Amino acid sequence: MSTVIEIQEAAARLDETGQEQLLSWLLDREAAWDQQIEKDASAGKLDFLIDQAKAAMEGNTLRDWPSHA
């Protein structure tokens, strides 16, 4: 499997058309991810996150994310 650095290096070698195609592909993937999150949120699949946040607030254990430990 390629590492992120290897992928970055390969992307840097692409011509302008290749870079545009790669960017388009990444944006399409991001849009699909956003749509899935919207679908899951509408279906209530992410409600547990709200419950966890409320419990952390009530228990005074809410912390910044990402944590800077």
C-alpha atoms as a PDB file:
ATOM      1  CA  MET A   1       0.000   0.000   0.000  1.00  0.00           C
ATOM      2  CA  SER A   2       1.196   3.501  -0.763  1.00  0.00           C
ATOM      3  CA  THR A   3       1.880   5.989   1.957  1.00  0.00           C
ATOM      4  CA  VAL A   4       0.490   9.502   1.916  1.00  0.00           C
ATOM      5  CA  ILE A   5       3.963  10.822   1.132  1.00  0.00           C
ATOM      6  CA  GLU A   6       4.238   8.487  -1.875  1.00  0.00           C
ATOM      7  CA  ILE A   7       0.815   9.584  -3.086  1.00  0.00           C
ATOM      8  CA  GLN A   8       1.760  13.259  -2.644  1.00  0.00           C
ATOM      9  CA  GLU A   9       4.970  12.744  -4.579  1.00  0.00           C
ATOM     10  CA  ALA A  10       3.107  10.973  -7.381  1.00  0.00           C
ATOM     11  CA  ALA A  11       0.477  13.729  -7.477  1.00  0.00           C
ATOM     12  CA  ALA A  12       3.222  16.348  -7.730  1.00  0.00           C
ATOM     13  CA  ARG A  13       4.484  14.619 -10.882  1.00  0.00           C
ATOM     14  CA  LEU A  14       1.097  14.822 -12.611  1.00  0.00           C
ATOM     15  CA  ASP A  15       0.610  17.302 -15.396  1.00  0.00           C
ATOM     16  CA  GLU A  16      -2.063  19.983 -15.003  1.00  0.00           C
ATOM     17  CA  THR A  17      -4.787  17.787 -16.509  1.00  0.00           C
ATOM     18  CA  GLY A  18      -3.894  14.916 -14.208  1.00  0.00           C
ATOM     19  CA  GLN A  19      -3.932  17.230 -11.185  1.00  0.00           C
ATOM     20  CA  GLU A  20      -7.361  18.530 -12.189  1.00  0.00           C
ATOM     21  CA  GLN A  21      -8.653  14.966 -12.570  1.00  0.00           C
ATOM     22  CA  LEU A  22      -7.267  14.020  -9.167  1.00  0.00           C
ATOM     23  CA  LEU A  23      -8.801  17.068  -7.532  1.00  0.00           C
ATOM     24  CA  SER A  24     -12.165  16.339  -9.152  1.00  0.00           C
ATOM     25  CA  TRP A  25     -12.029  12.763  -7.890  1.00  0.00           C
ATOM     26  CA  LEU A  26     -11.182  13.904  -4.350  1.00  0.00           C
ATOM     27  CA  LEU A  27     -13.985  16.474  -4.358  1.00  0.00           C
ATOM     28  CA  ASP A  28     -16.456  13.829  -5.555  1.00  0.00           C
ATOM     29  CA  ARG A  29     -15.387  11.550  -2.705  1.00  0.00           C
ATOM     30  CA  GLU A  30     -15.769  14.386  -0.215  1.00  0.00           C
ATOM     31  CA  ALA A  31     -19.268  15.155  -1.540  1.00  0.00           C
ATOM     32  CA  ALA A  32     -20.241  11.484  -1.206  1.00  0.00           C
ATOM     33  CA  TRP A  33     -18.899  11.474   2.370  1.00  0.00           C
ATOM     34  CA  ASP A  34     -20.924  14.616   3.174  1.00  0.00           C
ATOM     35  CA  GLN A  35     -24.061  13.034   1.713  1.00  0.00           C
ATOM     36  CA  GLN A  36     -23.569   9.904   3.811  1.00  0.00           C
ATOM     37  CA  ILE A  37     -23.141  11.969   6.975  1.00  0.00           C
ATOM     38  CA  GLU A  38     -26.318  13.921   6.153  1.00  0.00           C
ATOM     39  CA  LYS A  39     -28.185  10.648   5.557  1.00  0.00           C
ATOM     40  CA  ASP A  40     -26.913   9.110   8.798  1.00  0.00           C
ATOM     41  CA  ALA A  41     -27.737  12.253  10.779  1.00  0.00           C
ATOM     42  CA  SER A  42     -31.262  12.388   9.334  1.00  0.00           C
ATOM     43  CA  ALA A  43     -31.761   8.732  10.248  1.00  0.00           C
ATOM     44  CA  GLY A  44     -30.677   9.393  13.844  1.00  0.00           C
ATOM     45  CA  LYS A  45     -27.545   7.270  13.551  1.00  0.00           C
ATOM     46  CA  LEU A  46     -25.401  10.055  15.019  1.00  0.00           C
ATOM     47  CA  ASP A  47     -27.681  10.949  17.922  1.00  0.00           C
ATOM     48  CA  PHE A  48     -25.405   9.041  20.284  1.00  0.00           C
ATOM     49  CA  LEU A  49     -22.760  11.721  19.689  1.00  0.00           C
ATOM     50  CA  ILE A  50     -25.118  14.421  20.943  1.00  0.00           C
ATOM     51  CA  ASP A  51     -25.954  12.261  23.956  1.00  0.00           C
ATOM     52  CA  GLN A  52     -22.266  11.779  24.726  1.00  0.00           C
ATOM     53  CA  ALA A  53     -21.582  15.508  24.443  1.00  0.00           C
ATOM     54  CA  LYS A  54     -24.506  16.367  26.719  1.00  0.00           C
ATOM     55  CA  ALA A  55     -23.335  13.796  29.281  1.00  0.00           C
ATOM     56  CA  ALA A  56     -19.810  15.213  29.153  1.00  0.00           C
ATOM     57  CA  MET A  57     -21.157  18.735  29.650  1.00  0.00           C
ATOM     58  CA  GLU A  58     -23.325  17.652  32.596  1.00  0.00           C
ATOM     59  CA  GLY A  59     -20.438  15.688  34.111  1.00  0.00           C
ATOM     60  CA  ASN A  60     -18.064  18.601  33.567  1.00  0.00           C
ATOM     61  CA  THR A  61     -15.745  16.310  31.572  1.00  0.00           C
ATOM     62  CA  LEU A  62     -16.087  18.040  28.215  1.00  0.00           C
ATOM     63  CA  ARG A  63     -12.673  18.701  26.678  1.00  0.00           C
ATOM     64  CA  ASP A  64     -11.252  20.317  23.559  1.00  0.00           C
ATOM     65  CA  TRP A  65     -10.781  18.221  20.456  1.00  0.00           C
ATOM     66  CA  PRO A  66      -8.301  17.364  19.336  1.00  0.00           C
ATOM     67  CA  SER A  67      -6.856  17.178  22.781  1.00  0.00           C
ATOM     68  CA  HIS A  68      -3.527  18.881  23.262  1.00  0.00           C
ATOM     69  CA  ALA A  69      -2.161  16.434  25.824  1.00  0.00           C
END
